[in-house]
Amino acid sequence: MLDLKVLKSALEQLEEERRIPKEKIIEAIELAMAAAYKKDYGKKDQIIRTKFDFDSGKP
């Protein structure tokens, strides 16, 4: 399980220092999780989507 306080803090820091919108970072994380899942478990032409839940910390 992820430490949501640390993750939120890191996202806020990136947003402030690098001026990268938090939504874009979250989108990149979700795409990376979907790609990793598809690489290990996906089938050919299967569409995988993820949505990160910041309340529970679960993808």
C-alpha atoms as a PDB file:
ATOM      1  CA  MET A   1       0.000   0.000   0.000  1.00  0.00           C
ATOM      2  CA  LEU A   2       1.228   3.494  -0.800  1.00  0.00           C
ATOM      3  CA  ASP A   3       1.771   6.219   1.753  1.00  0.00           C
ATOM      4  CA  LEU A   4      -0.731   8.730   0.384  1.00  0.00           C
ATOM      5  CA  LYS A   5       0.600  11.648   2.431  1.00  0.00           C
ATOM      6  CA  VAL A   6       4.063  11.209   0.938  1.00  0.00           C
ATOM      7  CA  LEU A   7       2.670  10.809  -2.573  1.00  0.00           C
ATOM      8  CA  LYS A   8       0.459  13.886  -2.296  1.00  0.00           C
ATOM      9  CA  SER A   9       3.368  15.873  -0.906  1.00  0.00           C
ATOM     10  CA  ALA A  10       5.611  14.779  -3.782  1.00  0.00           C
ATOM     11  CA  LEU A  11       2.940  15.703  -6.331  1.00  0.00           C
ATOM     12  CA  GLU A  12       2.493  19.125  -4.765  1.00  0.00           C
ATOM     13  CA  GLN A  13       6.251  19.668  -4.728  1.00  0.00           C
ATOM     14  CA  LEU A  14       6.578  18.741  -8.416  1.00  0.00           C
ATOM     15  CA  GLU A  15       3.662  20.995  -9.252  1.00  0.00           C
ATOM     16  CA  GLU A  16       5.195  23.919  -7.387  1.00  0.00           C
ATOM     17  CA  GLU A  17       8.861  23.504  -8.364  1.00  0.00           C
ATOM     18  CA  ARG A  18       8.547  22.229 -11.923  1.00  0.00           C
ATOM     19  CA  ARG A  19       5.155  23.756 -12.735  1.00  0.00           C
ATOM     20  CA  ILE A  20       3.844  20.365 -13.821  1.00  0.00           C
ATOM     21  CA  PRO A  21       0.099  20.107 -13.208  1.00  0.00           C
ATOM     22  CA  LYS A  22      -0.730  17.407 -10.654  1.00  0.00           C
ATOM     23  CA  GLU A  23      -3.356  15.980 -13.018  1.00  0.00           C
ATOM     24  CA  LYS A  24      -0.716  15.364 -15.696  1.00  0.00           C
ATOM     25  CA  ILE A  25       1.517  13.526 -13.240  1.00  0.00           C
ATOM     26  CA  ILE A  26      -1.382  11.376 -12.059  1.00  0.00           C
ATOM     27  CA  GLU A  27      -2.289  10.613 -15.682  1.00  0.00           C
ATOM     28  CA  ALA A  28       1.311   9.515 -16.348  1.00  0.00           C
ATOM     29  CA  ILE A  29       1.251   7.246 -13.276  1.00  0.00           C
ATOM     30  CA  GLU A  30      -2.032   5.676 -14.397  1.00  0.00           C
ATOM     31  CA  LEU A  31      -0.692   5.084 -17.925  1.00  0.00           C
ATOM     32  CA  ALA A  32       2.479   3.520 -16.526  1.00  0.00           C
ATOM     33  CA  MET A  33       0.475   1.178 -14.278  1.00  0.00           C
ATOM     34  CA  ALA A  34      -1.701   0.119 -17.215  1.00  0.00           C
ATOM     35  CA  ALA A  35       1.357  -0.498 -19.412  1.00  0.00           C
ATOM     36  CA  ALA A  36       3.058  -2.571 -16.705  1.00  0.00           C
ATOM     37  CA  TYR A  37      -0.074  -4.656 -16.153  1.00  0.00           C
ATOM     38  CA  LYS A  38      -0.555  -5.200 -19.884  1.00  0.00           C
ATOM     39  CA  LYS A  39       3.087  -6.251 -20.292  1.00  0.00           C
ATOM     40  CA  ASP A  40       2.795  -8.962 -17.652  1.00  0.00           C
ATOM     41  CA  TYR A  41      -0.858 -10.033 -17.856  1.00  0.00           C
ATOM     42  CA  GLY A  42      -2.511  -8.484 -20.913  1.00  0.00           C
ATOM     43  CA  LYS A  43      -3.638 -10.237 -24.041  1.00  0.00           C
ATOM     44  CA  LYS A  44      -3.064  -9.081 -27.602  1.00  0.00           C
ATOM     45  CA  ASP A  45      -5.199  -6.051 -28.544  1.00  0.00           C
ATOM     46  CA  GLN A  46      -6.586  -5.850 -24.996  1.00  0.00           C
ATOM     47  CA  ILE A  47      -7.317  -2.334 -23.766  1.00  0.00           C
ATOM     48  CA  ILE A  48      -6.229  -1.726 -20.176  1.00  0.00           C
ATOM     49  CA  ARG A  49      -7.220   1.399 -18.246  1.00  0.00           C
ATOM     50  CA  THR A  50      -6.397   2.378 -14.694  1.00  0.00           C
ATOM     51  CA  LYS A  51      -7.736   4.972 -12.298  1.00  0.00           C
ATOM     52  CA  PHE A  52      -5.799   5.785  -9.156  1.00  0.00           C
ATOM     53  CA  ASP A  53      -7.964   6.244  -6.059  1.00  0.00           C
ATOM     54  CA  PHE A  54      -6.385   8.801  -3.722  1.00  0.00           C
ATOM     55  CA  ASP A  55      -8.837   7.980  -0.941  1.00  0.00           C
ATOM     56  CA  SER A  56      -7.823   4.338  -0.604  1.00  0.00           C
ATOM     57  CA  GLY A  57      -4.438   4.359  -2.344  1.00  0.00           C
ATOM     58  CA  LYS A  58      -5.523   1.541  -4.610  1.00  0.00           C
ATOM     59  CA  PRO A  59      -5.203   1.557  -8.423  1.00  0.00           C
END
